[in-house]
Structures are given as C-alpha cells and as structure tokens.
Amino acid sequence: MATRALLLSGDAVRIEVDVAPGAWLDVVEATGTVAYEGDTPSSWTVDADVGDGGVLTWAGMPFVVSDEIATHRGTHIRLHGTGKVLMQEKLVLGRAGQTGGDLTTSLDAHDDTGPLQVEYLDLRRLARQMPGVFGNLRSMDTVTALGWTPEPFGEPDAGTTGPGETYFPLNRSGAALRWMGLGRFRDELCDPTFAAWREDAMHNFRRQRAAQRLRHEAEPGGREDGHVPAGAIMASAAEPNRRARQSGAPSM
C-alpha cells in the first residue's frame, strides 16, 4: 500500500484484523494517510475481531482530509472474553493552507455482553462551523481503550496545548482521551497516554502468559523450560511479539 497513493477519490479501503485468543497484535502504520480531493466520496474502514485473552494495539498516524472531498472513517470492533483493544486516531482537517473537506467518523465497539462504545461524529464543513462543535480547529486526537479502564495519564496546564483535553471513562470496561486543537504538533498528551496505556495492557498480558506457561509446565508432557508437545503448540495462540505493519499513503 505504501507504493501508491491513498485515499484517492472513489477509493473504499477495508482492513480486516483477526486476533486469535491469547495473541497480541501490534499494528504499525509507516506513514499517514491523505484523503485526496475529488468528486466521488472515499472511505477507510477497519473491522477488528479480538479473541478471549487477546490484545490489539494500534497507534494510528495522521488521517488528513484534503479540500473538496467527502470521506468517511469507520471502525468496527468485537471483543470476546477478556480481549482488549487500544487504538489511537489522529484526524487533521486540510493539508497545508487548506481548511479540509467533509469528514464523518464512526466507532462501533461491542463485547460478548453488548455495546461498549457507539459514536458517530459529523465533521462536515457546515456542521463543524455550528456553535460548540469544532469552529476553526483543525486537529483531533483520540486514544480509546476497550476491555479495561486505565487511569488518565498526565494533566497539562489548561490551554497550553489546545482548547482542552477530555478523559471519558465508559459506562463499562473502557476509557477514551480526546484532544482538539489548531495543529496536531501541539498535542502533548495523547502520545504519552497511548504509550502508558499500552504498557498497562501488555503488563496484564505478560502476566497471563506467565500463568499459562506455569500451567503448561504442570501438565503431563510439559517440560521445565515451559515448552509443550508440538500438537499443543499448533493449537495454541500466536506468539505475543508478532508485529503487523500497516502502511498508508505519503503524508502531507
């Protein structure tokens, strides 16, 4: 995907992610993504399924909306059992010297019980100019944790990075931190928060893996080094240090 431009007018990109039970998948974007101008709307959709005990971490690079384009960015997440998701989404309205086109976003996250977070944001040009919506701001950074509720990380002086940062603990297991401002480079909170919450998620994951190794050692046929017979290995989840790379288009 890094060898060609995204998103061109009319493009509909769909990314499907399936994290096996007990596995860890870390998605790394090599560059940002630009939704280029054109007459036909474009879209970027992520559909993620995380198994019991699995962890999905995804630190998104800037998603830039050019002038004269209508684009939608959608995320669908399904958690099973004790699965966890940590995602960061950076939205930028307009390339250099632009105000940006029409953007809508949606997040639909469910677990085995029901909805965790359902959100739809209308950031089209007319809607975001309405009082109390977005005004002349150009950037929004959101870090979302699902499957557990981490505590907020840091608290900058009010007004130093933008109009404000808001921490939202969800009704059930989850939390979101959102920053809005004039330029994404002024955001001093979301990146450190993602790093801290990622370490929190992985600490619990590593503890669970250690407990699994102890159980394997106690099983008939298990070895002191924690290895189990080949048949059990074939049936087990993928190793946690596997990393997947997702690349986007050249940035601004």
Protein backbone atom coordinates (compact mmCIF):
# COMPACT_ATOMS: atom_id res chain seq x y z
CA MET A 1 0.00 0.00 0.00
CA ALA A 2 2.94 2.36 0.55
CA THR A 3 3.81 2.16 -3.16
CA ARG A 4 0.70 4.01 -4.31
CA ALA A 5 -1.45 6.94 -3.19
CA LEU A 6 -4.34 6.60 -0.74
CA LEU A 7 -7.11 7.64 -0.48
CA LEU A 8 -7.96 8.77 -3.98
CA SER A 9 -11.44 9.95 -4.88
CA GLY A 10 -13.70 6.90 -5.00
CA ASP A 11 -11.38 4.61 -3.01
CA ALA A 12 -13.01 2.32 -0.44
CA VAL A 13 -10.30 0.75 1.72
CA ARG A 14 -11.31 -2.00 4.15
CA ILE A 15 -8.88 -3.56 6.63
CA GLU A 16 -9.89 -6.76 8.44
CA VAL A 17 -7.98 -7.74 11.60
CA ASP A 18 -8.45 -11.03 13.44
CA VAL A 19 -6.51 -11.50 16.70
CA ALA A 20 -6.54 -15.11 17.88
CA PRO A 21 -7.35 -15.94 21.51
CA GLY A 22 -4.33 -15.26 23.71
CA ALA A 23 -2.37 -13.45 20.98
CA TRP A 24 -1.01 -9.89 20.80
CA LEU A 25 -1.10 -7.93 17.53
CA ASP A 26 0.60 -4.52 17.27
CA VAL A 27 -0.34 -2.68 14.06
CA VAL A 28 2.25 -0.10 12.98
CA GLU A 29 1.43 2.48 10.31
CA ALA A 30 4.53 3.55 8.39
CA THR A 31 3.11 6.89 7.24
CA GLY A 32 -0.03 8.98 7.45
CA THR A 33 -2.96 8.76 5.04
CA VAL A 34 -4.30 11.60 2.87
CA ALA A 35 -7.87 11.63 1.57
CA TYR A 36 -7.26 13.44 -1.72
CA GLU A 37 -9.75 15.80 -3.38
CA GLY A 38 -12.23 14.53 -5.96
CA ASP A 39 -15.87 14.35 -6.93
CA THR A 40 -16.54 10.84 -5.55
CA PRO A 41 -16.55 10.16 -1.77
CA SER A 42 -13.88 7.89 -0.29
CA SER A 43 -13.85 5.69 2.82
CA TRP A 44 -11.46 3.96 5.22
CA THR A 45 -12.93 1.10 7.31
CA VAL A 46 -11.31 -1.09 9.98
CA ASP A 47 -13.08 -4.28 11.06
CA ALA A 48 -11.35 -5.92 14.06
CA ASP A 49 -12.17 -9.11 15.96
CA VAL A 50 -10.19 -9.85 19.17
CA GLY A 51 -10.39 -13.26 20.81
CA ASP A 52 -10.51 -14.10 24.51
CA GLY A 53 -7.29 -13.00 26.22
CA GLY A 54 -6.01 -11.31 23.05
CA VAL A 55 -4.68 -7.75 22.76
CA LEU A 56 -4.82 -5.42 19.75
CA THR A 57 -2.77 -2.20 19.88
CA TRP A 58 -2.84 0.29 17.00
CA ALA A 59 -1.23 3.77 17.09
CA GLY A 60 -2.63 5.47 14.01
CA MET A 61 -0.72 8.08 12.02
CA PRO A 62 -2.47 11.31 10.88
CA PHE A 63 -5.52 10.91 8.65
CA VAL A 64 -5.55 14.11 6.56
CA VAL A 65 -8.72 15.31 4.81
CA SER A 66 -7.99 17.48 1.76
CA ASP A 67 -10.21 20.25 0.44
CA GLU A 68 -13.05 19.28 -1.92
CA ILE A 69 -13.51 15.69 -0.73
CA ALA A 70 -16.13 13.85 1.31
CA THR A 71 -14.68 10.89 3.23
CA HIS A 72 -15.77 8.53 6.00
CA ARG A 73 -13.54 6.76 8.53
CA GLY A 74 -15.25 3.86 10.28
CA THR A 75 -14.11 1.39 12.95
CA HIS A 76 -15.94 -1.79 13.97
CA ILE A 77 -14.60 -3.77 16.95
CA ARG A 78 -15.75 -7.05 18.50
CA LEU A 79 -14.20 -8.18 21.80
CA HIS A 80 -14.56 -11.69 23.21
CA GLY A 81 -13.97 -12.72 26.81
CA THR A 82 -11.08 -10.77 28.32
CA GLY A 83 -9.85 -9.35 24.99
CA LYS A 84 -8.50 -5.78 24.94
CA VAL A 85 -8.13 -3.07 22.29
CA LEU A 86 -6.08 0.13 22.40
CA MET A 87 -6.37 2.42 19.38
CA GLN A 88 -5.24 5.97 18.56
CA GLU A 89 -6.85 8.05 15.82
CA LYS A 90 -5.35 11.35 14.61
CA LEU A 91 -7.59 13.46 12.37
CA VAL A 92 -6.33 16.54 10.51
CA LEU A 93 -8.65 18.80 8.52
CA GLY A 94 -6.83 20.12 5.46
CA ARG A 95 -3.31 19.92 4.11
CA ALA A 96 -1.02 22.96 4.40
CA GLY A 97 -3.03 26.11 3.61
CA GLN A 98 -6.36 24.24 3.44
CA THR A 99 -9.43 24.07 5.67
CA GLY A 100 -10.36 20.48 4.82
CA GLY A 101 -13.34 18.84 3.19
CA ASP A 102 -16.27 16.87 4.62
CA LEU A 103 -15.39 14.22 7.21
CA THR A 104 -17.60 11.80 9.12
CA THR A 105 -16.34 9.14 11.53
CA SER A 106 -17.94 6.24 13.37
CA LEU A 107 -16.93 3.79 16.09
CA ASP A 108 -19.00 0.70 16.86
CA ALA A 109 -17.46 -1.46 19.60
CA HIS A 110 -19.15 -4.48 21.19
CA ASP A 111 -18.18 -7.31 23.52
CA ASP A 112 -19.97 -10.54 24.44
CA THR A 113 -22.41 -8.58 26.63
CA GLY A 114 -23.34 -5.78 24.26
CA PRO A 115 -22.24 -2.29 23.15
CA LEU A 116 -19.11 -0.79 24.71
CA GLN A 117 -18.94 2.44 22.73
CA VAL A 118 -21.03 3.62 19.79
CA GLU A 119 -20.17 7.02 18.35
CA TYR A 120 -20.84 8.99 15.17
CA LEU A 121 -19.13 12.33 14.51
CA ASP A 122 -20.29 14.74 11.82
CA LEU A 123 -17.35 16.98 10.94
CA ARG A 124 -18.58 18.12 7.56
CA ARG A 125 -17.81 21.74 6.73
CA LEU A 126 -21.26 23.13 7.55
CA ALA A 127 -21.73 21.03 10.69
CA ARG A 128 -18.37 21.80 12.28
CA GLN A 129 -18.91 25.57 11.96
CA MET A 130 -22.01 25.41 14.16
CA PRO A 131 -21.62 26.83 17.69
CA GLY A 132 -19.97 24.44 20.12
CA VAL A 133 -18.88 21.88 17.51
CA PHE A 134 -15.39 22.44 16.03
CA GLY A 135 -15.13 26.05 14.88
CA ASN A 136 -11.72 26.90 13.40
CA LEU A 137 -9.95 23.89 14.96
CA ARG A 138 -8.13 21.57 12.58
CA SER A 139 -6.97 18.56 14.60
CA MET A 140 -8.42 15.90 16.86
CA ASP A 141 -6.51 13.09 18.57
CA THR A 142 -8.37 10.28 20.34
CA VAL A 143 -6.95 7.36 22.36
CA THR A 144 -9.51 4.63 23.07
CA ALA A 145 -9.07 1.68 25.45
CA LEU A 146 -11.64 -1.12 25.44
CA GLY A 147 -11.76 -4.19 27.67
CA TRP A 148 -10.32 -2.41 30.73
CA THR A 149 -10.42 1.11 32.20
CA PRO A 150 -6.98 2.72 32.52
CA GLU A 151 -6.47 5.87 34.54
CA PRO A 152 -5.74 9.22 32.83
CA PHE A 153 -2.06 9.90 32.26
CA GLY A 154 -0.68 13.39 32.95
CA GLU A 155 -2.52 16.69 33.07
CA PRO A 156 -1.02 19.65 31.15
CA ASP A 157 -1.74 23.24 32.13
CA ALA A 158 -5.13 24.30 30.79
CA GLY A 159 -4.92 25.96 27.39
CA THR A 160 -1.27 25.13 26.70
CA THR A 161 -1.92 22.51 24.01
CA GLY A 162 -5.38 23.46 22.75
CA PRO A 163 -8.90 24.33 23.89
CA GLY A 164 -8.87 21.34 26.17
CA GLU A 165 -8.42 17.63 26.73
CA THR A 166 -11.22 15.39 27.98
CA TYR A 167 -10.99 11.98 29.66
CA PHE A 168 -14.10 9.81 29.28
CA PRO A 169 -14.45 6.67 31.44
CA LEU A 170 -17.01 4.47 29.71
CA ASN A 171 -20.05 3.01 31.42
CA ARG A 172 -18.45 -0.44 31.32
CA SER A 173 -14.85 -1.51 30.65
CA GLY A 174 -13.17 1.23 28.66
CA ALA A 175 -11.95 4.80 28.52
CA ALA A 176 -11.19 7.48 25.93
CA LEU A 177 -8.94 10.54 25.95
CA ARG A 178 -9.68 13.22 23.36
CA TRP A 179 -7.70 16.33 22.41
CA MET A 180 -8.74 19.06 19.95
CA GLY A 181 -6.59 21.93 18.71
CA LEU A 182 -5.29 24.08 15.87
CA GLY A 183 -2.39 21.81 14.90
CA ARG A 184 -1.56 18.22 15.76
CA PHE A 185 2.02 19.08 16.75
CA ARG A 186 0.67 20.94 19.80
CA ASP A 187 -0.81 17.76 21.26
CA GLU A 188 1.45 16.84 24.17
CA LEU A 189 -0.84 14.39 25.93
CA CYS A 190 -2.24 11.70 23.62
CA ASP A 191 1.04 10.07 22.52
CA PRO A 192 2.33 9.64 26.10
CA THR A 193 -1.11 8.40 27.14
CA PHE A 194 -1.11 5.77 24.39
CA ALA A 195 2.37 4.61 25.47
CA ALA A 196 1.34 4.39 29.14
CA TRP A 197 -1.93 2.58 28.42
CA ARG A 198 -0.15 0.20 26.04
CA GLU A 199 2.31 -0.73 28.80
CA ASP A 200 -0.63 -1.24 31.15
CA ALA A 201 -2.37 -3.56 28.69
CA MET A 202 0.82 -5.51 27.98
CA HIS A 203 1.68 -5.87 31.68
CA ASN A 204 -1.55 -7.78 32.25
CA PHE A 205 -1.00 -9.72 29.02
CA ARG A 206 2.51 -10.80 30.03
CA ARG A 207 1.23 -11.85 33.46
CA GLN A 208 -1.43 -14.01 31.82
CA ARG A 209 1.18 -15.57 29.51
CA ALA A 210 3.40 -16.35 32.52
CA ALA A 211 0.47 -18.07 34.23
CA GLN A 212 -0.17 -20.10 31.06
CA ARG A 213 3.48 -21.24 30.99
CA LEU A 214 3.22 -22.38 34.60
CA ARG A 215 0.11 -24.38 33.78
CA HIS A 216 1.85 -25.94 30.77
CA GLU A 217 4.80 -26.97 32.93
CA ALA A 218 2.41 -28.70 35.31
CA GLU A 219 0.66 -30.59 32.51
CA PRO A 220 1.74 -34.15 31.64
CA GLY A 221 4.37 -33.96 28.90
CA GLY A 222 5.28 -30.37 29.71
CA ARG A 223 8.96 -29.51 30.24
CA GLU A 224 10.71 -27.36 32.80
CA ASP A 225 11.56 -24.78 30.12
CA GLY A 226 7.85 -24.24 29.55
CA HIS A 227 7.71 -26.00 26.16
CA VAL A 228 4.81 -28.28 25.41
CA PRO A 229 4.35 -31.01 22.81
CA ALA A 230 4.17 -29.95 19.17
CA GLY A 231 0.45 -30.72 18.97
CA ALA A 232 -0.28 -28.32 21.79
CA ILE A 233 1.87 -25.66 20.17
CA MET A 234 -0.03 -25.97 16.90
CA ALA A 235 -3.29 -25.45 18.78
CA SER A 236 -2.07 -22.54 20.86
CA ALA A 237 -2.34 -18.84 20.06
CA ALA A 238 0.32 -16.98 18.11
CA GLU A 239 3.37 -15.66 19.98
CA PRO A 240 2.73 -12.23 21.52
CA ASN A 241 5.68 -10.46 19.94
CA ARG A 242 4.38 -10.82 16.42
CA ARG A 243 4.01 -7.39 14.80
CA ALA A 244 1.99 -6.45 11.75
CA ARG A 245 2.80 -3.39 9.69
CA GLN A 246 0.07 -1.35 8.08
CA SER A 247 1.30 1.37 5.77
CA GLY A 248 -0.69 4.25 4.40
CA ALA A 249 -0.10 6.93 1.79
CA PRO A 250 2.59 9.61 1.79
CA SER A 251 1.80 12.18 4.43
CA MET A 252 1.21 15.89 3.82
